[in-house]
Amino acid sequence: MKSALAASVLCLTVTGCANSLVADQDRNVASALPYDSVDCATLLAERDQLARRYNLSINAKPVFAKSAMGLGPITPDIRSNRRRDVEKASGEINAMNRSLSRRKCAGAIQTLPAQ
């Protein structure tokens, strides 16, 4: 009986990990490499448009929740769809900024803080 209960608890825990807050927020960290093939002026316009659409700073960065020690992977993601979209946009803006900065695009240097 105890092993069946332990197996049930383990299954529920593992099932919850797929939809955890930490896992979903980790997915918001976007790679800058796909943006390297986009023209600087076009990428600047896309970044600014995305920031305006979600009312974010052009220097937005991904958000990570602070959870109790060890409970992050099993904390369910109960954020609203709007909040998820805003945090995903923050990750994309950050990736765009890293691409612009790495390529030293004119215009981006004026709007980004020194690194």
C-alpha atoms as a PDB file:
ATOM      1  CA  MET A   1       0.000   0.000   0.000  1.00  0.00           C
ATOM      2  CA  LYS A   2       2.791   2.406   0.885  1.00  0.00           C
ATOM      3  CA  SER A   3       4.559   1.759  -2.419  1.00  0.00           C
ATOM      4  CA  ALA A   4       1.346   2.451  -4.359  1.00  0.00           C
ATOM      5  CA  LEU A   5       0.888   5.722  -2.492  1.00  0.00           C
ATOM      6  CA  ALA A   6       4.515   6.685  -3.082  1.00  0.00           C
ATOM      7  CA  ALA A   7       4.166   5.852  -6.785  1.00  0.00           C
ATOM      8  CA  SER A   8       1.020   7.991  -7.001  1.00  0.00           C
ATOM      9  CA  VAL A   9       2.739  10.950  -5.365  1.00  0.00           C
ATOM     10  CA  LEU A  10       5.734  10.559  -7.679  1.00  0.00           C
ATOM     11  CA  CYS A  11       3.504  10.454 -10.770  1.00  0.00           C
ATOM     12  CA  LEU A  12       1.609  13.566  -9.704  1.00  0.00           C
ATOM     13  CA  THR A  13       4.856  15.406  -9.005  1.00  0.00           C
ATOM     14  CA  VAL A  14       6.388  14.494 -12.355  1.00  0.00           C
ATOM     15  CA  THR A  15       3.157  15.411 -14.171  1.00  0.00           C
ATOM     16  CA  GLY A  16       3.181  18.835 -12.538  1.00  0.00           C
ATOM     17  CA  CYS A  17       6.748  19.488 -13.652  1.00  0.00           C
ATOM     18  CA  ALA A  18       5.769  19.760 -17.306  1.00  0.00           C
ATOM     19  CA  ASN A  19       3.585  22.772 -16.562  1.00  0.00           C
ATOM     20  CA  SER A  20       5.628  24.354 -13.812  1.00  0.00           C
ATOM     21  CA  LEU A  21       6.200  28.072 -13.461  1.00  0.00           C
ATOM     22  CA  VAL A  22       9.978  27.634 -13.604  1.00  0.00           C
ATOM     23  CA  ALA A  23       9.877  25.549 -16.793  1.00  0.00           C
ATOM     24  CA  ASP A  24       7.547  28.005 -18.509  1.00  0.00           C
ATOM     25  CA  GLN A  25       9.679  30.994 -17.528  1.00  0.00           C
ATOM     26  CA  ASP A  26      12.851  29.235 -18.683  1.00  0.00           C
ATOM     27  CA  ARG A  27      11.251  28.878 -22.134  1.00  0.00           C
ATOM     28  CA  ASN A  28      11.000  32.684 -22.329  1.00  0.00           C
ATOM     29  CA  VAL A  29      14.777  33.013 -22.659  1.00  0.00           C
ATOM     30  CA  ALA A  30      15.142  33.344 -26.422  1.00  0.00           C
ATOM     31  CA  SER A  31      18.235  32.836 -28.539  1.00  0.00           C
ATOM     32  CA  ALA A  32      19.649  35.898 -30.262  1.00  0.00           C
ATOM     33  CA  LEU A  33      21.050  33.886 -33.176  1.00  0.00           C
ATOM     34  CA  PRO A  34      17.882  33.906 -35.337  1.00  0.00           C
ATOM     35  CA  TYR A  35      17.891  37.703 -35.178  1.00  0.00           C
ATOM     36  CA  ASP A  36      21.443  37.960 -36.516  1.00  0.00           C
ATOM     37  CA  SER A  37      20.167  37.455 -40.060  1.00  0.00           C
ATOM     38  CA  VAL A  38      17.702  40.361 -39.765  1.00  0.00           C
ATOM     39  CA  ASP A  39      18.788  43.785 -41.019  1.00  0.00           C
ATOM     40  CA  CYS A  40      19.625  46.154 -38.146  1.00  0.00           C
ATOM     41  CA  ALA A  41      17.019  48.780 -39.055  1.00  0.00           C
ATOM     42  CA  THR A  42      14.309  46.133 -39.423  1.00  0.00           C
ATOM     43  CA  LEU A  43      15.253  44.503 -36.128  1.00  0.00           C
ATOM     44  CA  LEU A  44      15.207  47.855 -34.322  1.00  0.00           C
ATOM     45  CA  ALA A  45      11.720  48.528 -35.683  1.00  0.00           C
ATOM     46  CA  GLU A  46      10.507  45.041 -34.683  1.00  0.00           C
ATOM     47  CA  ARG A  47      11.917  45.425 -31.183  1.00  0.00           C
ATOM     48  CA  ASP A  48      10.349  48.845 -30.701  1.00  0.00           C
ATOM     49  CA  GLN A  49       6.993  47.627 -32.034  1.00  0.00           C
ATOM     50  CA  LEU A  50       7.032  44.599 -29.711  1.00  0.00           C
ATOM     51  CA  ALA A  51       7.896  46.821 -26.736  1.00  0.00           C
ATOM     52  CA  ARG A  52       5.038  49.216 -27.579  1.00  0.00           C
ATOM     53  CA  ARG A  53       2.542  46.363 -28.089  1.00  0.00           C
ATOM     54  CA  TYR A  54       3.165  45.026 -24.583  1.00  0.00           C
ATOM     55  CA  ASN A  55       3.973  48.372 -22.941  1.00  0.00           C
ATOM     56  CA  LEU A  56       7.526  47.249 -22.103  1.00  0.00           C
ATOM     57  CA  SER A  57      10.848  49.021 -21.980  1.00  0.00           C
ATOM     58  CA  ILE A  58      13.138  48.480 -24.969  1.00  0.00           C
ATOM     59  CA  ASN A  59      15.588  47.104 -22.395  1.00  0.00           C
ATOM     60  CA  ALA A  60      13.173  44.440 -21.079  1.00  0.00           C
ATOM     61  CA  LYS A  61      14.664  41.238 -19.720  1.00  0.00           C
ATOM     62  CA  PRO A  62      13.128  37.835 -18.964  1.00  0.00           C
ATOM     63  CA  VAL A  63      11.375  37.494 -15.607  1.00  0.00           C
ATOM     64  CA  PHE A  64      12.045  34.674 -13.173  1.00  0.00           C
ATOM     65  CA  ALA A  65       9.862  33.942 -10.145  1.00  0.00           C
ATOM     66  CA  LYS A  66      11.403  33.541  -6.736  1.00  0.00           C
ATOM     67  CA  SER A  67      10.148  30.302  -5.282  1.00  0.00           C
ATOM     68  CA  ALA A  68      10.808  28.519  -2.056  1.00  0.00           C
ATOM     69  CA  MET A  69      13.973  26.458  -2.100  1.00  0.00           C
ATOM     70  CA  GLY A  70      13.432  23.252  -4.033  1.00  0.00           C
ATOM     71  CA  LEU A  71       9.788  23.931  -4.898  1.00  0.00           C
ATOM     72  CA  GLY A  72      10.312  25.772  -8.197  1.00  0.00           C
ATOM     73  CA  PRO A  73       9.933  22.768 -10.498  1.00  0.00           C
ATOM     74  CA  ILE A  74       6.668  21.713  -8.884  1.00  0.00           C
ATOM     75  CA  THR A  75       5.090  25.163  -8.503  1.00  0.00           C
ATOM     76  CA  PRO A  76       2.158  25.265 -10.947  1.00  0.00           C
ATOM     77  CA  ASP A  77       2.040  28.062 -13.502  1.00  0.00           C
ATOM     78  CA  ILE A  78      -1.088  30.046 -12.721  1.00  0.00           C
ATOM     79  CA  ARG A  79      -0.166  33.217 -14.608  1.00  0.00           C
ATOM     80  CA  SER A  80      -2.771  34.717 -16.920  1.00  0.00           C
ATOM     81  CA  ASN A  81      -2.346  34.343 -20.680  1.00  0.00           C
ATOM     82  CA  ARG A  82      -1.663  38.090 -20.924  1.00  0.00           C
ATOM     83  CA  ARG A  83       1.118  37.822 -18.297  1.00  0.00           C
ATOM     84  CA  ARG A  84       2.652  34.871 -20.164  1.00  0.00           C
ATOM     85  CA  ASP A  85       2.609  36.841 -23.428  1.00  0.00           C
ATOM     86  CA  VAL A  86       4.238  39.873 -21.775  1.00  0.00           C
ATOM     87  CA  GLU A  87       7.001  37.742 -20.241  1.00  0.00           C
ATOM     88  CA  LYS A  88       7.588  35.947 -23.558  1.00  0.00           C
ATOM     89  CA  ALA A  89       7.874  39.338 -25.294  1.00  0.00           C
ATOM     90  CA  SER A  90      10.430  40.412 -22.664  1.00  0.00           C
ATOM     91  CA  GLY A  91      12.576  37.411 -23.574  1.00  0.00           C
ATOM     92  CA  GLU A  92      12.316  38.209 -27.289  1.00  0.00           C
ATOM     93  CA  ILE A  93      13.200  41.872 -26.740  1.00  0.00           C
ATOM     94  CA  ASN A  94      16.237  40.816 -24.730  1.00  0.00           C
ATOM     95  CA  ALA A  95      17.346  38.446 -27.510  1.00  0.00           C
ATOM     96  CA  MET A  96      16.918  41.206 -30.100  1.00  0.00           C
ATOM     97  CA  ASN A  97      18.986  43.570 -27.956  1.00  0.00           C
ATOM     98  CA  ARG A  98      21.783  41.017 -27.612  1.00  0.00           C
ATOM     99  CA  SER A  99      21.877  40.584 -31.391  1.00  0.00           C
ATOM    100  CA  LEU A 100      21.875  44.345 -31.984  1.00  0.00           C
ATOM    101  CA  SER A 101      24.584  44.897 -29.407  1.00  0.00           C
ATOM    102  CA  ARG A 102      26.804  42.072 -30.668  1.00  0.00           C
ATOM    103  CA  ARG A 103      26.568  43.369 -34.246  1.00  0.00           C
ATOM    104  CA  LYS A 104      27.080  46.959 -33.052  1.00  0.00           C
ATOM    105  CA  CYS A 105      24.066  48.203 -34.987  1.00  0.00           C
ATOM    106  CA  ALA A 106      23.804  51.985 -35.298  1.00  0.00           C
ATOM    107  CA  GLY A 107      20.864  53.306 -33.292  1.00  0.00           C
ATOM    108  CA  ALA A 108      20.899  50.387 -30.892  1.00  0.00           C
ATOM    109  CA  ILE A 109      23.984  51.754 -29.186  1.00  0.00           C
ATOM    110  CA  GLN A 110      22.119  54.965 -28.365  1.00  0.00           C
ATOM    111  CA  THR A 111      19.142  53.161 -26.848  1.00  0.00           C
ATOM    112  CA  LEU A 112      20.892  50.345 -24.963  1.00  0.00           C
ATOM    113  CA  PRO A 113      22.791  50.799 -21.699  1.00  0.00           C
ATOM    114  CA  ALA A 114      26.546  50.225 -21.749  1.00  0.00           C
ATOM    115  CA  GLN A 115      27.483  46.617 -21.091  1.00  0.00           C
END
